[in-house]
PDB file of N, CA and C in Angstrom:
ATOM      1  N   UNK A   1       0.959  35.767 -90.244  1.00  0.00           N
ATOM      2  CA  UNK A   1       1.822  34.971 -90.632  1.00  0.00           C
ATOM      3  C   UNK A   1       3.056  34.981 -89.034  1.00  0.00           C
ATOM      4  N   UNK A   2       3.626  33.796 -88.964  1.00  0.00           N
ATOM      5  CA  UNK A   2       4.327  34.075 -87.441  1.00  0.00           C
ATOM      6  C   UNK A   2       5.719  33.040 -88.015  1.00  0.00           C
ATOM      7  N   UNK A   3       6.949  33.993 -87.989  1.00  0.00           N
ATOM      8  CA  UNK A   3       8.229  33.140 -88.778  1.00  0.00           C
ATOM      9  C   UNK A   3       9.413  32.786 -87.940  1.00  0.00           C
ATOM     10  N   UNK A   4      10.002  32.474 -87.485  1.00  0.00           N
ATOM     11  CA  UNK A   4      10.872  31.970 -86.569  1.00  0.00           C
ATOM     12  C   UNK A   4      12.409  31.748 -87.207  1.00  0.00           C
ATOM     13  N   UNK A   5      13.322  32.243 -86.609  1.00  0.00           N
ATOM     14  CA  UNK A   5      14.445  31.734 -87.665  1.00  0.00           C
ATOM     15  C   UNK A   5      16.039  31.350 -86.611  1.00  0.00           C
ATOM     16  N   UNK A   6      16.088  30.560 -87.337  1.00  0.00           N
ATOM     17  CA  UNK A   6      17.345  29.397 -86.531  1.00  0.00           C
ATOM     18  C   UNK A   6      18.485  29.225 -87.613  1.00  0.00           C
ATOM     19  N   UNK A   7      19.836  29.112 -87.095  1.00  0.00           N
ATOM     20  CA  UNK A   7      20.968  29.301 -88.020  1.00  0.00           C
ATOM     21  C   UNK A   7      21.455  27.572 -87.350  1.00  0.00           C
ATOM     22  N   UNK A   8      21.278  27.205 -88.179  1.00  0.00           N
ATOM     23  CA  UNK A   8      22.486  25.976 -88.234  1.00  0.00           C
ATOM     24  C   UNK A   8      23.596  25.460 -89.248  1.00  0.00           C
ATOM     25  N   UNK A   9      25.030  25.777 -88.707  1.00  0.00           N
ATOM     26  CA  UNK A   9      25.888  26.293 -89.475  1.00  0.00           C
ATOM     27  C   UNK A   9      25.510  26.939 -90.033  1.00  0.00           C
ATOM     28  N   UNK A  10      25.325  26.766 -91.793  1.00  0.00           N
ATOM     29  CA  UNK A  10      25.305  27.888 -93.157  1.00  0.00           C
ATOM     30  C   UNK A  10      23.555  27.956 -93.433  1.00  0.00           C
ATOM     31  N   UNK A  11      23.272  27.163 -92.884  1.00  0.00           N
ATOM     32  CA  UNK A  11      21.734  26.969 -93.440  1.00  0.00           C
ATOM     33  C   UNK A  11      21.011  27.631 -92.082  1.00  0.00           C
ATOM     34  N   UNK A  12      19.872  28.509 -92.478  1.00  0.00           N
ATOM     35  CA  UNK A  12      18.684  29.098 -92.043  1.00  0.00           C
ATOM     36  C   UNK A  12      17.296  28.420 -92.058  1.00  0.00           C
ATOM     37  N   UNK A  13      16.954  27.898 -91.256  1.00  0.00           N
ATOM     38  CA  UNK A  13      15.222  27.612 -90.893  1.00  0.00           C
ATOM     39  C   UNK A  13      14.554  28.073 -90.469  1.00  0.00           C
ATOM     40  N   UNK A  14      13.634  28.678 -92.092  1.00  0.00           N
ATOM     41  CA  UNK A  14      12.227  29.874 -90.947  1.00  0.00           C
ATOM     42  C   UNK A  14      11.114  28.983 -90.680  1.00  0.00           C
ATOM     43  N   UNK A  15      10.749  28.878 -89.539  1.00  0.00           N
ATOM     44  CA  UNK A  15       9.728  27.643 -89.488  1.00  0.00           C
ATOM     45  C   UNK A  15       8.414  28.805 -89.303  1.00  0.00           C
ATOM     46  N   UNK A  16       7.224  27.979 -89.882  1.00  0.00           N
ATOM     47  CA  UNK A  16       5.817  28.865 -90.447  1.00  0.00           C
ATOM     48  C   UNK A  16       5.662  28.323 -89.831  1.00  0.00           C
ATOM     49  N   UNK A  17       4.196  29.594 -89.387  1.00  0.00           N
ATOM     50  CA  UNK A  17       3.073  29.353 -88.539  1.00  0.00           C
ATOM     51  C   UNK A  17       1.913  30.185 -88.581  1.00  0.00           C
ATOM     52  N   UNK A  18       0.774  28.891 -89.770  1.00  0.00           N
ATOM     53  CA  UNK A  18      -0.494  30.122 -90.277  1.00  0.00           C
ATOM     54  C   UNK A  18      -0.312  30.008 -91.522  1.00  0.00           C
ATOM     55  N   UNK A  19      -0.787  30.810 -92.559  1.00  0.00           N
ATOM     56  CA  UNK A  19      -1.628  30.151 -93.643  1.00  0.00           C
ATOM     57  C   UNK A  19      -0.521  31.582 -94.743  1.00  0.00           C
ATOM     58  N   UNK A  20      -0.405  30.564 -95.616  1.00  0.00           N
ATOM     59  CA  UNK A  20       0.612  30.976 -96.653  1.00  0.00           C
ATOM     60  C   UNK A  20      -0.257  31.691 -98.382  1.00  0.00           C
ATOM     61  N   UNK A  21      -1.797  32.832 -97.558  1.00  0.00           N
ATOM     62  CA  UNK A  21      -2.864  32.803 -98.668  1.00  0.00           C
ATOM     63  C   UNK A  21      -2.881  34.344 -99.057  1.00  0.00           C
ATOM     64  N   UNK A  22      -1.862  34.959 -99.398  1.00  0.00           N
ATOM     65  CA  UNK A  22      -2.024  36.539 -99.908  1.00  0.00           C
ATOM     66  C   UNK A  22      -1.845  37.043 -98.737  1.00  0.00           C
ATOM     67  N   UNK A  23      -1.309  38.562 -98.906  1.00  0.00           N
ATOM     68  CA  UNK A  23      -0.836  39.536 -98.043  1.00  0.00           C
ATOM     69  C   UNK A  23      -1.433  39.781 -96.817  1.00  0.00           C
ATOM     70  N   UNK A  24      -0.783  40.378 -96.174  1.00  0.00           N
ATOM     71  CA  UNK A  24       0.272  40.318 -95.374  1.00  0.00           C
ATOM     72  C   UNK A  24       1.247  39.116 -95.648  1.00  0.00           C
ATOM     73  N   UNK A  25       0.547  38.036 -95.261  1.00  0.00           N
ATOM     74  CA  UNK A  25       1.693  36.750 -94.907  1.00  0.00           C
ATOM     75  C   UNK A  25       2.825  35.999 -96.392  1.00  0.00           C
ATOM     76  N   UNK A  26       2.543  37.003 -97.105  1.00  0.00           N
ATOM     77  CA  UNK A  26       3.773  36.542 -98.622  1.00  0.00           C
ATOM     78  C   UNK A  26       4.218  37.478 -98.409  1.00  0.00           C
ATOM     79  N   UNK A  27       4.199  38.820 -98.714  1.00  0.00           N
ATOM     80  CA  UNK A  27       4.934  39.850 -97.851  1.00  0.00           C
ATOM     81  C   UNK A  27       5.990  39.693 -96.655  1.00  0.00           C
ATOM     82  N   UNK A  28       5.351  39.507 -95.741  1.00  0.00           N
ATOM     83  CA  UNK A  28       6.434  39.197 -95.110  1.00  0.00           C
ATOM     84  C   UNK A  28       7.812  37.716 -95.280  1.00  0.00           C
ATOM     85  N   UNK A  29       7.087  36.924 -95.225  1.00  0.00           N
ATOM     86  CA  UNK A  29       8.393  36.226 -95.807  1.00  0.00           C
ATOM     87  C   UNK A  29       8.611  36.112 -96.755  1.00  0.00           C
ATOM     88  N   UNK A  30       8.420  37.093 -97.902  1.00  0.00           N
ATOM     89  CA  UNK A  30       9.509  37.629 -99.005  1.00  0.00           C
ATOM     90  C   UNK A  30      10.767  38.220 -98.455  1.00  0.00           C
ATOM     91  N   UNK A  31       9.729  39.652 -97.679  1.00  0.00           N
ATOM     92  CA  UNK A  31      10.820  40.034 -97.160  1.00  0.00           C
ATOM     93  C   UNK A  31      12.048  39.542 -96.075  1.00  0.00           C
ATOM     94  N   UNK A  32      11.507  38.362 -95.845  1.00  0.00           N
ATOM     95  CA  UNK A  32      12.217  37.798 -94.807  1.00  0.00           C
ATOM     96  C   UNK A  32      13.173  36.852 -95.624  1.00  0.00           C
ATOM     97  N   UNK A  33      13.187  36.394 -96.643  1.00  0.00           N
ATOM     98  CA  UNK A  33      14.142  35.824 -97.419  1.00  0.00           C
ATOM     99  C   UNK A  33      15.006  36.966 -97.990  1.00  0.00           C
ATOM    100  N   UNK A  34      14.263  37.937 -98.661  1.00  0.00           N
ATOM    101  CA  UNK A  34      15.110  39.106 -99.353  1.00  0.00           C
ATOM    102  C   UNK A  34      16.078  39.835 -98.486  1.00  0.00           C
ATOM    103  N   UNK A  35      16.011  39.600 -97.363  1.00  0.00           N
ATOM    104  CA  UNK A  35      16.688  40.055 -96.201  1.00  0.00           C
ATOM    105  C   UNK A  35      17.833  38.778 -95.669  1.00  0.00           C
ATOM    106  N   UNK A  36      17.489  37.513 -95.675  1.00  0.00           N
ATOM    107  CA  UNK A  36      18.521  37.113 -95.353  1.00  0.00           C
ATOM    108  C   UNK A  36      19.610  36.524 -96.722  1.00  0.00           C
ATOM    109  N   UNK A  37      19.205  36.761 -97.847  1.00  0.00           N
ATOM    110  CA  UNK A  37      19.910  37.055 -98.891  1.00  0.00           C
ATOM    111  C   UNK A  37      20.455  37.664 -98.859  1.00  0.00           C
ATOM    112  N   UNK A  38      19.966  39.225 -98.577  1.00  0.00           N
ATOM    113  CA  UNK A  38      21.390  40.159 -98.603  1.00  0.00           C
ATOM    114  C   UNK A  38      22.381  40.294 -97.321  1.00  0.00           C
ATOM    115  N   UNK A  39      22.180  39.269 -96.736  1.00  0.00           N
ATOM    116  CA  UNK A  39      23.175  38.726 -95.704  1.00  0.00           C
ATOM    117  C   UNK A  39      24.148  37.995 -95.873  1.00  0.00           C
ATOM    118  N   UNK A  40      24.062  37.415 -97.038  1.00  0.00           N
ATOM    119  CA  UNK A  40      24.836  35.972 -97.906  1.00  0.00           C
ATOM    120  C   UNK A  40      24.240  34.994 -97.468  1.00  0.00           C
ATOM    121  N   UNK A  41      22.807  34.616 -96.369  1.00  0.00           N
ATOM    122  CA  UNK A  41      22.458  32.975 -96.204  1.00  0.00           C
ATOM    123  C   UNK A  41      22.051  32.435 -97.803  1.00  0.00           C
ATOM    124  N   UNK A  42      22.156  31.798 -98.600  1.00  0.00           N
ATOM    125  CA  UNK A  42      21.814  31.419 -99.937  1.00  0.00           C
ATOM    126  C   UNK A  42      21.123  29.748 -99.264  1.00  0.00           C
ATOM    127  N   UNK A  43      21.143  29.439 -98.404  1.00  0.00           N
ATOM    128  CA  UNK A  43      20.713  27.840 -98.015  1.00  0.00           C
ATOM    129  C   UNK A  43      19.799  28.058 -96.940  1.00  0.00           C
ATOM    130  N   UNK A  44      18.441  27.755 -97.577  1.00  0.00           N
ATOM    131  CA  UNK A  44      17.182  28.183 -96.937  1.00  0.00           C
ATOM    132  C   UNK A  44      16.195  26.707 -96.335  1.00  0.00           C
ATOM    133  N   UNK A  45      16.009  26.605 -95.516  1.00  0.00           N
ATOM    134  CA  UNK A  45      15.413  25.552 -94.999  1.00  0.00           C
ATOM    135  C   UNK A  45      13.446  25.936 -94.734  1.00  0.00           C
ATOM    136  N   UNK A  46      12.571  25.710 -95.419  1.00  0.00           N
ATOM    137  CA  UNK A  46      11.004  26.415 -94.818  1.00  0.00           C
ATOM    138  C   UNK A  46      10.576  25.280 -93.602  1.00  0.00           C
ATOM    139  N   UNK A  47       9.982  25.373 -92.970  1.00  0.00           N
ATOM    140  CA  UNK A  47       9.317  24.376 -92.048  1.00  0.00           C
ATOM    141  C   UNK A  47       7.839  24.535 -92.619  1.00  0.00           C
ATOM    142  N   UNK A  48       7.241  23.648 -92.773  1.00  0.00           N
ATOM    143  CA  UNK A  48       5.665  24.215 -92.911  1.00  0.00           C
ATOM    144  C   UNK A  48       5.089  23.326 -92.342  1.00  0.00           C
ATOM    145  N   UNK A  49       5.983  22.456 -90.856  1.00  0.00           N
ATOM    146  CA  UNK A  49       4.377  22.030 -89.738  1.00  0.00           C
ATOM    147  C   UNK A  49       3.586  22.618 -89.260  1.00  0.00           C
ATOM    148  N   UNK A  50       3.017  23.549 -89.418  1.00  0.00           N
ATOM    149  CA  UNK A  50       2.178  24.066 -88.801  1.00  0.00           C
ATOM    150  C   UNK A  50       2.032  25.071 -89.459  1.00  0.00           C
ATOM    151  N   UNK A  51       2.260  25.334 -91.305  1.00  0.00           N
ATOM    152  CA  UNK A  51       1.486  25.766 -92.273  1.00  0.00           C
ATOM    153  C   UNK A  51       0.317  25.206 -92.546  1.00  0.00           C
ATOM    154  N   UNK A  52      -1.396  25.342 -92.263  1.00  0.00           N
ATOM    155  CA  UNK A  52      -2.191  24.663 -92.190  1.00  0.00           C
ATOM    156  C   UNK A  52      -2.725  24.809 -93.917  1.00  0.00           C
ATOM    157  N   UNK A  53      -2.760  25.850 -94.584  1.00  0.00           N
ATOM    158  CA  UNK A  53      -3.134  26.070 -95.867  1.00  0.00           C
ATOM    159  C   UNK A  53      -1.877  26.926 -96.643  1.00  0.00           C
ATOM    160  N   UNK A  54      -2.278  26.457 -97.927  1.00  0.00           N
ATOM    161  CA  UNK A  54      -1.585  27.557 -99.293  1.00  0.00           C
ATOM    162  C   UNK A  54      -2.280  27.943-100.296  1.00  0.00           C
ATOM    163  N   UNK A  55      -2.782  29.256-100.713  1.00  0.00           N
ATOM    164  CA  UNK A  55      -3.547  29.015-102.105  1.00  0.00           C
ATOM    165  C   UNK A  55      -2.459  30.075-103.210  1.00  0.00           C
ATOM    166  N   UNK A  56      -3.051  29.954-104.146  1.00  0.00           N
ATOM    167  CA  UNK A  56      -2.219  30.293-105.632  1.00  0.00           C
ATOM    168  C   UNK A  56      -1.018  31.683-105.119  1.00  0.00           C
ATOM    169  N   UNK A  57      -1.624  32.545-104.028  1.00  0.00           N
ATOM    170  CA  UNK A  57      -0.519  32.971-103.939  1.00  0.00           C
ATOM    171  C   UNK A  57       0.122  33.335-103.080  1.00  0.00           C
ATOM    172  N   UNK A  58       0.441  32.368-102.364  1.00  0.00           N
ATOM    173  CA  UNK A  58       1.456  31.676-101.125  1.00  0.00           C
ATOM    174  C   UNK A  58       2.262  30.886-102.097  1.00  0.00           C
ATOM    175  N   UNK A  59       1.413  30.192-102.905  1.00  0.00           N
ATOM    176  CA  UNK A  59       2.798  29.536-104.092  1.00  0.00           C
ATOM    177  C   UNK A  59       3.621  29.984-104.746  1.00  0.00           C
ATOM    178  N   UNK A  60       2.638  31.265-105.394  1.00  0.00           N
ATOM    179  CA  UNK A  60       3.475  32.302-106.191  1.00  0.00           C
ATOM    180  C   UNK A  60       4.913  32.192-105.288  1.00  0.00           C
ATOM    181  N   UNK A  61       4.493  32.972-104.150  1.00  0.00           N
ATOM    182  CA  UNK A  61       5.325  33.377-103.681  1.00  0.00           C
ATOM    183  C   UNK A  61       6.502  32.120-103.570  1.00  0.00           C
ATOM    184  N   UNK A  62       6.521  31.390-102.605  1.00  0.00           N
ATOM    185  CA  UNK A  62       7.489  30.102-102.559  1.00  0.00           C
ATOM    186  C   UNK A  62       8.226  30.237-104.024  1.00  0.00           C
ATOM    187  N   UNK A  63       7.754  29.981-105.460  1.00  0.00           N
ATOM    188  CA  UNK A  63       8.317  29.777-106.294  1.00  0.00           C
ATOM    189  C   UNK A  63       9.341  30.749-106.593  1.00  0.00           C
ATOM    190  N   UNK A  64       8.623  32.118-106.552  1.00  0.00           N
ATOM    191  CA  UNK A  64       9.708  33.511-106.360  1.00  0.00           C
ATOM    192  C   UNK A  64      10.524  33.615-105.633  1.00  0.00           C
ATOM    193  N   UNK A  65      10.289  32.538-104.250  1.00  0.00           N
ATOM    194  CA  UNK A  65      11.619  32.794-103.155  1.00  0.00           C
ATOM    195  C   UNK A  65      12.863  31.808-103.980  1.00  0.00           C
ATOM    196  N   UNK A  66      11.928  30.509-104.490  1.00  0.00           N
ATOM    197  CA  UNK A  66      12.976  29.519-105.111  1.00  0.00           C
ATOM    198  C   UNK A  66      13.668  30.393-105.623  1.00  0.00           C
ATOM    199  N   UNK A  67      12.993  30.949-106.881  1.00  0.00           N
ATOM    200  CA  UNK A  67      14.110  31.427-108.077  1.00  0.00           C
ATOM    201  C   UNK A  67      14.851  32.414-107.469  1.00  0.00           C
ATOM    202  N   UNK A  68      14.920  33.199-106.410  1.00  0.00           N
ATOM    203  CA  UNK A  68      15.439  34.919-106.106  1.00  0.00           C
ATOM    204  C   UNK A  68      16.818  33.302-105.036  1.00  0.00           C
ATOM    205  N   UNK A  69      16.574  32.334-104.331  1.00  0.00           N
ATOM    206  CA  UNK A  69      17.928  31.308-104.275  1.00  0.00           C
ATOM    207  C   UNK A  69      18.848  31.320-105.056  1.00  0.00           C
ATOM    208  N   UNK A  70      18.098  30.873-106.349  1.00  0.00           N
ATOM    209  CA  UNK A  70      18.700  29.865-107.120  1.00  0.00           C
ATOM    210  C   UNK A  70      19.279  31.024-107.322  1.00  0.00           C
ATOM    211  N   UNK A  71      19.170  32.578-107.828  1.00  0.00           N
ATOM    212  CA  UNK A  71      19.672  32.982-108.456  1.00  0.00           C
ATOM    213  C   UNK A  71      20.959  34.070-107.818  1.00  0.00           C
ATOM    214  N   UNK A  72      20.929  33.694-106.218  1.00  0.00           N
ATOM    215  CA  UNK A  72      21.792  34.024-105.417  1.00  0.00           C
ATOM    216  C   UNK A  72      23.317  32.899-105.259  1.00  0.00           C
ATOM    217  N   UNK A  73      22.648  31.403-106.172  1.00  0.00           N
ATOM    218  CA  UNK A  73      24.067  30.599-105.717  1.00  0.00           C
ATOM    219  C   UNK A  73      23.282  29.565-104.280  1.00  0.00           C
ATOM    220  N   UNK A  74      22.268  29.414-104.332  1.00  0.00           N
ATOM    221  CA  UNK A  74      21.582  29.061-103.204  1.00  0.00           C
ATOM    222  C   UNK A  74      20.583  27.678-103.411  1.00  0.00           C
ATOM    223  N   UNK A  75      20.248  27.034-102.537  1.00  0.00           N
ATOM    224  CA  UNK A  75      18.930  26.154-102.813  1.00  0.00           C
ATOM    225  C   UNK A  75      18.129  26.496-101.505  1.00  0.00           C
ATOM    226  N   UNK A  76      16.914  26.468-102.107  1.00  0.00           N
ATOM    227  CA  UNK A  76      15.677  26.144-100.728  1.00  0.00           C
ATOM    228  C   UNK A  76      15.191  24.522-100.475  1.00  0.00           C
ATOM    229  N   UNK A  77      14.967  24.128 -99.872  1.00  0.00           N
ATOM    230  CA  UNK A  77      14.511  22.830 -99.017  1.00  0.00           C
ATOM    231  C   UNK A  77      13.272  23.596 -98.331  1.00  0.00           C
ATOM    232  N   UNK A  78      11.934  22.178 -98.244  1.00  0.00           N
ATOM    233  CA  UNK A  78      10.914  22.638 -97.515  1.00  0.00           C
ATOM    234  C   UNK A  78      11.463  21.553 -96.551  1.00  0.00           C
ATOM    235  N   UNK A  79      10.501  21.625 -95.475  1.00  0.00           N
ATOM    236  CA  UNK A  79      10.215  20.445 -94.108  1.00  0.00           C
ATOM    237  C   UNK A  79       9.192  20.464 -93.445  1.00  0.00           C
ATOM    238  N   UNK A  80       8.542  18.366 -93.400  1.00  0.00           N
ATOM    239  CA  UNK A  80       7.258  18.561 -92.919  1.00  0.00           C
ATOM    240  C   UNK A  80       6.194  19.428 -93.396  1.00  0.00           C
ATOM    241  N   UNK A  81       5.883  19.020 -95.116  1.00  0.00           N
ATOM    242  CA  UNK A  81       4.804  19.345 -95.470  1.00  0.00           C
ATOM    243  C   UNK A  81       4.011  18.754 -94.516  1.00  0.00           C
ATOM    244  N   UNK A  82       2.590  19.293 -94.799  1.00  0.00           N
ATOM    245  CA  UNK A  82       1.276  18.484 -94.245  1.00  0.00           C
ATOM    246  C   UNK A  82       1.087  18.012 -95.386  1.00  0.00           C
ATOM    247  N   UNK A  83       0.053  17.198 -95.225  1.00  0.00           N
ATOM    248  CA  UNK A  83      -0.895  16.386 -96.101  1.00  0.00           C
ATOM    249  C   UNK A  83      -1.257  17.245 -97.563  1.00  0.00           C
ATOM    250  N   UNK A  84      -2.173  18.394 -96.451  1.00  0.00           N
ATOM    251  CA  UNK A  84      -3.185  19.126 -96.984  1.00  0.00           C
ATOM    252  C   UNK A  84      -2.003  19.731 -98.180  1.00  0.00           C
ATOM    253  N   UNK A  85      -1.274  20.770 -97.694  1.00  0.00           N
ATOM    254  CA  UNK A  85       0.216  20.920 -98.407  1.00  0.00           C
ATOM    255  C   UNK A  85       0.218  20.053 -99.204  1.00  0.00           C
ATOM    256  N   UNK A  86       0.965  18.993 -99.559  1.00  0.00           N
ATOM    257  CA  UNK A  86       1.586  18.547-100.110  1.00  0.00           C
ATOM    258  C   UNK A  86       0.788  17.915-101.169  1.00  0.00           C
ATOM    259  N   UNK A  87      -0.470  17.584-101.105  1.00  0.00           N
ATOM    260  CA  UNK A  87      -1.481  17.026-102.032  1.00  0.00           C
ATOM    261  C   UNK A  87      -1.618  18.059-102.912  1.00  0.00           C
ATOM    262  N   UNK A  88      -1.370  19.347-102.741  1.00  0.00           N
ATOM    263  CA  UNK A  88      -1.504  20.852-102.883  1.00  0.00           C
ATOM    264  C   UNK A  88      -0.183  20.946-104.673  1.00  0.00           C
ATOM    265  N   UNK A  89       0.158  20.579-103.839  1.00  0.00           N
ATOM    266  CA  UNK A  89       1.927  20.423-104.860  1.00  0.00           C
ATOM    267  C   UNK A  89       1.786  19.184-105.852  1.00  0.00           C
ATOM    268  N   UNK A  90       1.475  18.089-105.618  1.00  0.00           N
ATOM    269  CA  UNK A  90       0.682  16.670-106.166  1.00  0.00           C
ATOM    270  C   UNK A  90       0.352  17.338-107.661  1.00  0.00           C
ATOM    271  N   UNK A  91      -0.983  18.060-107.308  1.00  0.00           N
ATOM    272  CA  UNK A  91      -2.211  18.015-108.044  1.00  0.00           C
ATOM    273  C   UNK A  91      -1.602  19.547-109.063  1.00  0.00           C
ATOM    274  N   UNK A  92      -0.453  20.215-108.593  1.00  0.00           N
ATOM    275  CA  UNK A  92      -0.179  21.314-109.681  1.00  0.00           C
ATOM    276  C   UNK A  92       1.163  21.329-109.976  1.00  0.00           C
ATOM    277  N   UNK A  93       2.060  19.631-109.926  1.00  0.00           N
ATOM    278  CA  UNK A  93       2.772  19.065-109.928  1.00  0.00           C
ATOM    279  C   UNK A  93       4.562  20.043-109.420  1.00  0.00           C
ATOM    280  N   UNK A  94       4.000  20.407-108.452  1.00  0.00           N
ATOM    281  CA  UNK A  94       5.442  21.761-108.161  1.00  0.00           C
ATOM    282  C   UNK A  94       6.189  20.582-107.169  1.00  0.00           C
ATOM    283  N   UNK A  95       5.415  18.644-107.078  1.00  0.00           N
ATOM    284  CA  UNK A  95       5.440  18.197-105.730  1.00  0.00           C
ATOM    285  C   UNK A  95       7.030  18.637-107.067  1.00  0.00           C
ATOM    286  N   UNK A  96       7.879  17.798-107.990  1.00  0.00           N
ATOM    287  CA  UNK A  96       8.284  17.750-108.936  1.00  0.00           C
ATOM    288  C   UNK A  96       9.619  19.350-108.396  1.00  0.00           C
ATOM    289  N   UNK A  97       9.165  19.902-108.151  1.00  0.00           N
ATOM    290  CA  UNK A  97      10.152  21.352-108.141  1.00  0.00           C
ATOM    291  C   UNK A  97      10.959  22.128-106.913  1.00  0.00           C
ATOM    292  N   UNK A  98       9.676  21.208-105.797  1.00  0.00           N
ATOM    293  CA  UNK A  98      10.655  21.453-104.328  1.00  0.00           C
ATOM    294  C   UNK A  98      11.086  20.580-104.436  1.00  0.00           C
ATOM    295  N   UNK A  99      12.103  20.471-103.194  1.00  0.00           N
ATOM    296  CA  UNK A  99      12.929  19.097-102.709  1.00  0.00           C
ATOM    297  C   UNK A  99      12.487  19.222-100.755  1.00  0.00           C
ATOM    298  N   UNK A 100      11.372  18.500-100.997  1.00  0.00           N
ATOM    299  CA  UNK A 100      10.678  17.962 -99.404  1.00  0.00           C
ATOM    300  C   UNK A 100      11.666  17.065 -98.678  1.00  0.00           C
ATOM    301  N   UNK A 101      11.472  17.596 -97.943  1.00  0.00           N
ATOM    302  CA  UNK A 101      11.979  16.445 -96.978  1.00  0.00           C
ATOM    303  C   UNK A 101      11.179  15.786 -95.528  1.00  0.00           C
ATOM    304  N   UNK A 102      11.084  14.909 -95.036  1.00  0.00           N
ATOM    305  CA  UNK A 102      10.197  14.311 -93.228  1.00  0.00           C
ATOM    306  C   UNK A 102      10.570  15.727 -92.351  1.00  0.00           C
ATOM    307  N   UNK A 103      11.312  16.469 -91.900  1.00  0.00           N
ATOM    308  CA  UNK A 103      12.261  16.566 -90.971  1.00  0.00           C
ATOM    309  C   UNK A 103      12.832  17.724 -91.674  1.00  0.00           C
ATOM    310  N   UNK A 104      13.238  18.649 -90.327  1.00  0.00           N
ATOM    311  CA  UNK A 104      14.214  19.568 -90.692  1.00  0.00           C
ATOM    312  C   UNK A 104      15.654  19.237 -90.644  1.00  0.00           C
ATOM    313  N   UNK A 105      15.851  18.255 -89.616  1.00  0.00           N
ATOM    314  CA  UNK A 105      17.217  17.953 -89.570  1.00  0.00           C
ATOM    315  C   UNK A 105      17.480  17.422 -91.324  1.00  0.00           C
ATOM    316  N   UNK A 106      16.791  16.222 -91.885  1.00  0.00           N
ATOM    317  CA  UNK A 106      17.090  15.898 -93.371  1.00  0.00           C
ATOM    318  C   UNK A 106      17.203  17.002 -93.726  1.00  0.00           C
ATOM    319  N   UNK A 107      16.717  18.057 -94.142  1.00  0.00           N
ATOM    320  CA  UNK A 107      16.867  18.850 -94.627  1.00  0.00           C
ATOM    321  C   UNK A 107      17.902  19.760 -94.676  1.00  0.00           C
ATOM    322  N   UNK A 108      18.314  20.258 -93.816  1.00  0.00           N
ATOM    323  CA  UNK A 108      19.585  20.400 -93.473  1.00  0.00           C
ATOM    324  C   UNK A 108      20.645  19.892 -93.595  1.00  0.00           C
ATOM    325  N   UNK A 109      20.448  18.768 -93.600  1.00  0.00           N
ATOM    326  CA  UNK A 109      21.548  17.178 -93.738  1.00  0.00           C
ATOM    327  C   UNK A 109      21.740  17.390 -95.677  1.00  0.00           C
ATOM    328  N   UNK A 110      20.703  17.661 -96.254  1.00  0.00           N
ATOM    329  CA  UNK A 110      20.930  17.344 -97.429  1.00  0.00           C
ATOM    330  C   UNK A 110      21.930  18.614 -98.043  1.00  0.00           C
ATOM    331  N   UNK A 111      21.796  19.620 -97.606  1.00  0.00           N
ATOM    332  CA  UNK A 111      23.152  20.511 -98.320  1.00  0.00           C
ATOM    333  C   UNK A 111      24.327  19.965 -98.298  1.00  0.00           C
ATOM    334  N   UNK A 112      24.543  18.933 -96.782  1.00  0.00           N
ATOM    335  CA  UNK A 112      26.049  18.878 -96.719  1.00  0.00           C
ATOM    336  C   UNK A 112      26.442  17.355 -97.213  1.00  0.00           C
ATOM    337  N   UNK A 113      25.874  17.357 -98.168  1.00  0.00           N
ATOM    338  CA  UNK A 113      26.420  16.049 -99.503  1.00  0.00           C
ATOM    339  C   UNK A 113      26.569  16.701-100.903  1.00  0.00           C
TER     340      UNK A 113
END
């Protein structure tokens, strides 16, 4: 799992590349998000454009990350969700839980409303 960080105003965009399927990928993402929360970055966008697949362990990581962010008073958005991953969100009904956007720009702009 490759994670690139970009800060736009008070929003952190994490661009993920690879699969979100258990160790060590899920640990890397969780550690990165916890590190951001400790630095008081609470508005986070996950760019999933280059994430090919997510399994149950990956879904658990996304849910626990979102919960940690909300507990700190922030919000998490997902951008560029691939069709394969989106179909998984639909099947698991998580499409109702996650806020998804077609682009990073739209996801970042959604924090300004």
